[in-house]
Amino acid sequence: SFENNFAAACGIKHCIGVGNGTDALYIILKSLGITSGDEVITVANSWISTSETISQCGAKPVFIDIDPDYYTIDVNTIEEKITSKTKAIIPVHLYGQMAEIDKISTLCKKHNLFLIEDCAQAHLAEYKTIKAGTTGIASAFSFYPGKNLGAYGDGGAIITNDDSLANRMRMFANH
């Protein structure tokens, strides 16, 4: 019931409930085939889960500085860090504020990269009428008690509009 309601609230087709936000990120990365030798661009000011899951997949986190006003990824410095090994970009939406997701999406399309949104602190946030988690291939949410939308204990979710990816992620999440 929660999966259906959260997907509807986000305006997206699929929601997969998982144990926590870290699991959500890891399952997305593994299901997309991110592995040893790959690079994933993200920020260093996020909770360790974002970079930790990249390393757990065998990939290398490539850190980008943040916008000093919003503490989200500085879109003006992303492109200079993209290499032939770059497979994805994970912007982290913080404090209910989204990164400039439209510009990041354009960069991902230009360089054929996966866009994975870390929405652990941006449940139902909007940027230029774009809802958090709806632009990338898949997005991760945390429901840890201290988050914007917290549970009584730990919890997480993945959202996506990709039917095939949703099926792979659900199978992975359910072992």
C-alpha atoms as a PDB file:
ATOM      1  CA  SER A   1       0.000   0.000   0.000  1.00  0.00           C
ATOM      2  CA  PHE A   2       2.819   2.417   0.911  1.00  0.00           C
ATOM      3  CA  GLU A   3       4.692   1.663  -2.328  1.00  0.00           C
ATOM      4  CA  ASN A   4       1.609   2.475  -4.408  1.00  0.00           C
ATOM      5  CA  ASN A   5       0.826   5.627  -2.445  1.00  0.00           C
ATOM      6  CA  PHE A   6       4.402   6.940  -2.461  1.00  0.00           C
ATOM      7  CA  ALA A   7       4.734   6.295  -6.223  1.00  0.00           C
ATOM      8  CA  ALA A   8       1.475   8.197  -6.771  1.00  0.00           C
ATOM      9  CA  ALA A   9       2.611  11.067  -4.534  1.00  0.00           C
ATOM     10  CA  CYS A  10       5.840  11.330  -6.541  1.00  0.00           C
ATOM     11  CA  GLY A  11       3.993  10.997  -9.848  1.00  0.00           C
ATOM     12  CA  ILE A  12       6.022   7.962 -10.868  1.00  0.00           C
ATOM     13  CA  LYS A  13       5.222   4.378 -11.935  1.00  0.00           C
ATOM     14  CA  HIS A  14       7.206   2.223  -9.524  1.00  0.00           C
ATOM     15  CA  CYS A  15       8.206   2.336  -5.872  1.00  0.00           C
ATOM     16  CA  ILE A  16      10.225  -0.469  -4.294  1.00  0.00           C
ATOM     17  CA  GLY A  17      10.373  -0.462  -0.503  1.00  0.00           C
ATOM     18  CA  VAL A  18      13.780  -1.382   0.954  1.00  0.00           C
ATOM     19  CA  GLY A  19      15.433  -1.512   4.371  1.00  0.00           C
ATOM     20  CA  ASN A  20      16.973   1.967   4.254  1.00  0.00           C
ATOM     21  CA  GLY A  21      18.340   4.692   1.994  1.00  0.00           C
ATOM     22  CA  THR A  22      21.758   3.053   1.788  1.00  0.00           C
ATOM     23  CA  ASP A  23      20.178  -0.139   0.461  1.00  0.00           C
ATOM     24  CA  ALA A  24      18.222   1.949  -2.033  1.00  0.00           C
ATOM     25  CA  LEU A  25      21.395   3.502  -3.465  1.00  0.00           C
ATOM     26  CA  TYR A  26      23.292   0.206  -3.524  1.00  0.00           C
ATOM     27  CA  ILE A  27      20.455  -1.673  -5.235  1.00  0.00           C
ATOM     28  CA  ILE A  28      20.156   1.034  -7.895  1.00  0.00           C
ATOM     29  CA  LEU A  29      23.896   1.010  -8.617  1.00  0.00           C
ATOM     30  CA  LYS A  30      24.134  -2.802  -8.738  1.00  0.00           C
ATOM     31  CA  SER A  31      21.026  -3.101 -10.910  1.00  0.00           C
ATOM     32  CA  LEU A  32      22.493  -0.607 -13.382  1.00  0.00           C
ATOM     33  CA  GLY A  33      25.689  -2.654 -13.620  1.00  0.00           C
ATOM     34  CA  ILE A  34      27.985  -0.126 -11.931  1.00  0.00           C
ATOM     35  CA  THR A  35      31.133  -2.095 -11.117  1.00  0.00           C
ATOM     36  CA  SER A  36      34.896  -2.137 -10.731  1.00  0.00           C
ATOM     37  CA  GLY A  37      36.674   0.404 -12.926  1.00  0.00           C
ATOM     38  CA  ASP A  38      33.636   2.678 -13.210  1.00  0.00           C
ATOM     39  CA  GLU A  39      33.447   6.201 -11.824  1.00  0.00           C
ATOM     40  CA  VAL A  40      30.401   7.883 -10.296  1.00  0.00           C
ATOM     41  CA  ILE A  41      30.270  11.630  -9.709  1.00  0.00           C
ATOM     42  CA  THR A  42      28.746  12.898  -6.450  1.00  0.00           C
ATOM     43  CA  VAL A  43      29.349  15.342  -3.597  1.00  0.00           C
ATOM     44  CA  ALA A  44      31.489  14.884  -0.490  1.00  0.00           C
ATOM     45  CA  ASN A  45      29.213  16.748   1.940  1.00  0.00           C
ATOM     46  CA  SER A  46      26.507  14.071   1.987  1.00  0.00           C
ATOM     47  CA  TRP A  47      26.143  11.307   4.546  1.00  0.00           C
ATOM     48  CA  ILE A  48      28.676   8.540   3.831  1.00  0.00           C
ATOM     49  CA  SER A  49      26.028   6.274   2.269  1.00  0.00           C
ATOM     50  CA  THR A  50      26.223   8.032  -1.076  1.00  0.00           C
ATOM     51  CA  SER A  51      29.945   7.497  -1.602  1.00  0.00           C
ATOM     52  CA  GLU A  52      30.049   4.248   0.386  1.00  0.00           C
ATOM     53  CA  THR A  53      27.612   2.479  -1.948  1.00  0.00           C
ATOM     54  CA  ILE A  54      29.668   3.542  -4.970  1.00  0.00           C
ATOM     55  CA  SER A  55      32.743   1.970  -3.369  1.00  0.00           C
ATOM     56  CA  GLN A  56      30.797  -1.157  -2.374  1.00  0.00           C
ATOM     57  CA  CYS A  57      30.058  -1.725  -6.062  1.00  0.00           C
ATOM     58  CA  GLY A  58      33.776  -1.500  -6.806  1.00  0.00           C
ATOM     59  CA  ALA A  59      33.441   1.853  -8.523  1.00  0.00           C
ATOM     60  CA  LYS A  60      35.296   5.051  -7.643  1.00  0.00           C
ATOM     61  CA  PRO A  61      33.462   8.066  -6.208  1.00  0.00           C
ATOM     62  CA  VAL A  62      34.532  11.295  -7.923  1.00  0.00           C
ATOM     63  CA  PHE A  63      33.765  14.259  -5.718  1.00  0.00           C
ATOM     64  CA  ILE A  64      32.440  17.601  -6.946  1.00  0.00           C
ATOM     65  CA  ASP A  65      32.285  20.786  -4.916  1.00  0.00           C
ATOM     66  CA  ILE A  66      28.963  22.209  -3.804  1.00  0.00           C
ATOM     67  CA  ASP A  67      27.003  25.338  -4.559  1.00  0.00           C
ATOM     68  CA  PRO A  68      27.726  27.562  -1.522  1.00  0.00           C
ATOM     69  CA  ASP A  69      24.145  28.863  -1.330  1.00  0.00           C
ATOM     70  CA  TYR A  70      22.231  25.561  -1.446  1.00  0.00           C
ATOM     71  CA  TYR A  71      24.851  22.928  -0.469  1.00  0.00           C
ATOM     72  CA  THR A  72      23.922  20.815  -3.487  1.00  0.00           C
ATOM     73  CA  ILE A  73      26.245  19.759  -6.312  1.00  0.00           C
ATOM     74  CA  ASP A  74      27.813  22.648  -8.241  1.00  0.00           C
ATOM     75  CA  VAL A  75      26.621  21.984 -11.790  1.00  0.00           C
ATOM     76  CA  ASN A  76      29.297  24.294 -13.187  1.00  0.00           C
ATOM     77  CA  THR A  77      32.086  21.921 -12.142  1.00  0.00           C
ATOM     78  CA  ILE A  78      30.599  18.560 -13.146  1.00  0.00           C
ATOM     79  CA  GLU A  79      31.591  18.374 -16.802  1.00  0.00           C
ATOM     80  CA  GLU A  80      35.317  18.852 -16.125  1.00  0.00           C
ATOM     81  CA  LYS A  81      35.265  15.664 -13.994  1.00  0.00           C
ATOM     82  CA  ILE A  82      33.574  13.436 -16.601  1.00  0.00           C
ATOM     83  CA  THR A  83      35.913  10.826 -18.096  1.00  0.00           C
ATOM     84  CA  SER A  84      35.521   7.734 -20.257  1.00  0.00           C
ATOM     85  CA  LYS A  85      35.105   5.767 -16.994  1.00  0.00           C
ATOM     86  CA  THR A  86      32.212   7.893 -15.713  1.00  0.00           C
ATOM     87  CA  LYS A  87      28.962   5.911 -15.665  1.00  0.00           C
ATOM     88  CA  ALA A  88      26.653   7.958 -13.464  1.00  0.00           C
ATOM     89  CA  ILE A  89      26.054  11.169 -11.557  1.00  0.00           C
ATOM     90  CA  ILE A  90      24.417  11.140  -8.126  1.00  0.00           C
ATOM     91  CA  PRO A  91      23.311  14.613  -7.076  1.00  0.00           C
ATOM     92  CA  VAL A  92      22.225  14.777  -3.451  1.00  0.00           C
ATOM     93  CA  HIS A  93      19.216  16.951  -2.687  1.00  0.00           C
ATOM     94  CA  LEU A  94      19.746  18.367   0.818  1.00  0.00           C
ATOM     95  CA  TYR A  95      17.614  20.069   3.451  1.00  0.00           C
ATOM     96  CA  GLY A  96      14.530  19.866   1.245  1.00  0.00           C
ATOM     97  CA  GLN A  97      16.334  21.729  -1.545  1.00  0.00           C
ATOM     98  CA  MET A  98      16.948  20.115  -4.900  1.00  0.00           C
ATOM     99  CA  ALA A  99      20.059  20.401  -7.013  1.00  0.00           C
ATOM    100  CA  GLU A 100      19.692  22.011 -10.447  1.00  0.00           C
ATOM    101  CA  ILE A 101      18.337  18.749 -11.802  1.00  0.00           C
ATOM    102  CA  ASP A 102      17.410  20.088 -15.234  1.00  0.00           C
ATOM    103  CA  LYS A 103      21.026  21.065 -15.958  1.00  0.00           C
ATOM    104  CA  ILE A 104      22.363  17.799 -14.525  1.00  0.00           C
ATOM    105  CA  SER A 105      19.930  15.831 -16.682  1.00  0.00           C
ATOM    106  CA  THR A 106      21.155  17.678 -19.770  1.00  0.00           C
ATOM    107  CA  LEU A 107      24.770  16.770 -18.908  1.00  0.00           C
ATOM    108  CA  CYS A 108      23.819  13.118 -18.355  1.00  0.00           C
ATOM    109  CA  LYS A 109      22.079  12.944 -21.733  1.00  0.00           C
ATOM    110  CA  LYS A 110      24.990  14.666 -23.463  1.00  0.00           C
ATOM    111  CA  HIS A 111      27.503  12.164 -22.031  1.00  0.00           C
ATOM    112  CA  ASN A 112      25.215   9.095 -21.937  1.00  0.00           C
ATOM    113  CA  LEU A 113      25.378   8.781 -18.141  1.00  0.00           C
ATOM    114  CA  PHE A 114      22.896   7.434 -15.617  1.00  0.00           C
ATOM    115  CA  LEU A 115      21.278  10.067 -13.424  1.00  0.00           C
ATOM    116  CA  ILE A 116      20.568   8.678  -9.959  1.00  0.00           C
ATOM    117  CA  GLU A 117      18.979  11.095  -7.497  1.00  0.00           C
ATOM    118  CA  ASP A 118      19.729  10.813  -3.776  1.00  0.00           C
ATOM    119  CA  CYS A 119      16.516  12.180  -2.303  1.00  0.00           C
ATOM    120  CA  ALA A 120      17.086  11.104   1.300  1.00  0.00           C
ATOM    121  CA  GLN A 121      16.411  14.665   2.469  1.00  0.00           C
ATOM    122  CA  ALA A 122      14.055  15.900  -0.220  1.00  0.00           C
ATOM    123  CA  HIS A 123      10.811  13.939  -0.071  1.00  0.00           C
ATOM    124  CA  LEU A 124       8.297  15.631  -2.395  1.00  0.00           C
ATOM    125  CA  ALA A 125      10.536  18.681  -2.844  1.00  0.00           C
ATOM    126  CA  GLU A 126      10.262  20.580  -6.128  1.00  0.00           C
ATOM    127  CA  TYR A 127      12.626  22.551  -8.340  1.00  0.00           C
ATOM    128  CA  LYS A 128      11.051  24.507 -11.221  1.00  0.00           C
ATOM    129  CA  THR A 129       7.951  22.261 -10.904  1.00  0.00           C
ATOM    130  CA  ILE A 130      10.129  19.107 -11.152  1.00  0.00           C
ATOM    131  CA  LYS A 131       9.537  16.734  -8.241  1.00  0.00           C
ATOM    132  CA  ALA A 132      12.507  15.200  -6.462  1.00  0.00           C
ATOM    133  CA  GLY A 133      13.350  11.767  -7.803  1.00  0.00           C
ATOM    134  CA  THR A 134      11.467  12.011 -11.077  1.00  0.00           C
ATOM    135  CA  THR A 135      14.211  13.057 -13.501  1.00  0.00           C
ATOM    136  CA  GLY A 136      16.796  10.288 -13.283  1.00  0.00           C
ATOM    137  CA  ILE A 137      16.706   6.603 -14.173  1.00  0.00           C
ATOM    138  CA  ALA A 138      16.040   5.828 -10.489  1.00  0.00           C
ATOM    139  CA  SER A 139      16.050   7.635  -7.165  1.00  0.00           C
ATOM    140  CA  ALA A 140      16.739   6.689  -3.557  1.00  0.00           C
ATOM    141  CA  PHE A 141      14.842   7.797  -0.459  1.00  0.00           C
ATOM    142  CA  SER A 142      15.506   7.295   3.239  1.00  0.00           C
ATOM    143  CA  PHE A 143      12.844   7.249   5.927  1.00  0.00           C
ATOM    144  CA  TYR A 144      15.260   7.289   8.861  1.00  0.00           C
ATOM    145  CA  PRO A 145      13.538   9.028  11.815  1.00  0.00           C
ATOM    146  CA  GLY A 146      15.575  12.235  11.374  1.00  0.00           C
ATOM    147  CA  LYS A 147      14.698  12.687   7.695  1.00  0.00           C
ATOM    148  CA  ASN A 148      12.120  15.072   6.219  1.00  0.00           C
ATOM    149  CA  LEU A 149       9.681  12.129   6.040  1.00  0.00           C
ATOM    150  CA  GLY A 150      10.776   9.833   8.833  1.00  0.00           C
ATOM    151  CA  ALA A 151       9.509   6.476  10.043  1.00  0.00           C
ATOM    152  CA  TYR A 152       9.487   5.042  13.567  1.00  0.00           C
ATOM    153  CA  GLY A 153      12.532   3.019  12.565  1.00  0.00           C
ATOM    154  CA  ASP A 154      14.685   2.733   9.468  1.00  0.00           C
ATOM    155  CA  GLY A 155      13.240   2.426   5.983  1.00  0.00           C
ATOM    156  CA  GLY A 156      13.917   3.342   2.403  1.00  0.00           C
ATOM    157  CA  ALA A 157      12.497   3.320  -1.099  1.00  0.00           C
ATOM    158  CA  ILE A 158      13.502   3.435  -4.740  1.00  0.00           C
ATOM    159  CA  ILE A 159      11.383   5.076  -7.409  1.00  0.00           C
ATOM    160  CA  THR A 160      11.626   4.732 -11.180  1.00  0.00           C
ATOM    161  CA  ASN A 161       9.572   4.877 -14.361  1.00  0.00           C
ATOM    162  CA  ASP A 162      11.655   2.134 -15.995  1.00  0.00           C
ATOM    163  CA  ASP A 163       9.667  -1.144 -15.943  1.00  0.00           C
ATOM    164  CA  SER A 164      12.619  -3.454 -16.603  1.00  0.00           C
ATOM    165  CA  LEU A 165      14.856  -1.732 -14.058  1.00  0.00           C
ATOM    166  CA  ALA A 166      12.049  -1.783 -11.473  1.00  0.00           C
ATOM    167  CA  ASN A 167      11.722  -5.538 -11.947  1.00  0.00           C
ATOM    168  CA  ARG A 168      15.507  -6.086 -11.545  1.00  0.00           C
ATOM    169  CA  MET A 169      15.665  -3.872  -8.476  1.00  0.00           C
ATOM    170  CA  ARG A 170      12.671  -5.567  -6.858  1.00  0.00           C
ATOM    171  CA  MET A 171      14.244  -8.999  -7.445  1.00  0.00           C
ATOM    172  CA  PHE A 172      17.561  -7.779  -6.021  1.00  0.00           C
ATOM    173  CA  ALA A 173      15.853  -6.205  -2.995  1.00  0.00           C
ATOM    174  CA  ASN A 174      13.950  -9.441  -2.349  1.00  0.00           C
ATOM    175  CA  HIS A 175      17.068 -11.580  -2.895  1.00  0.00           C
END
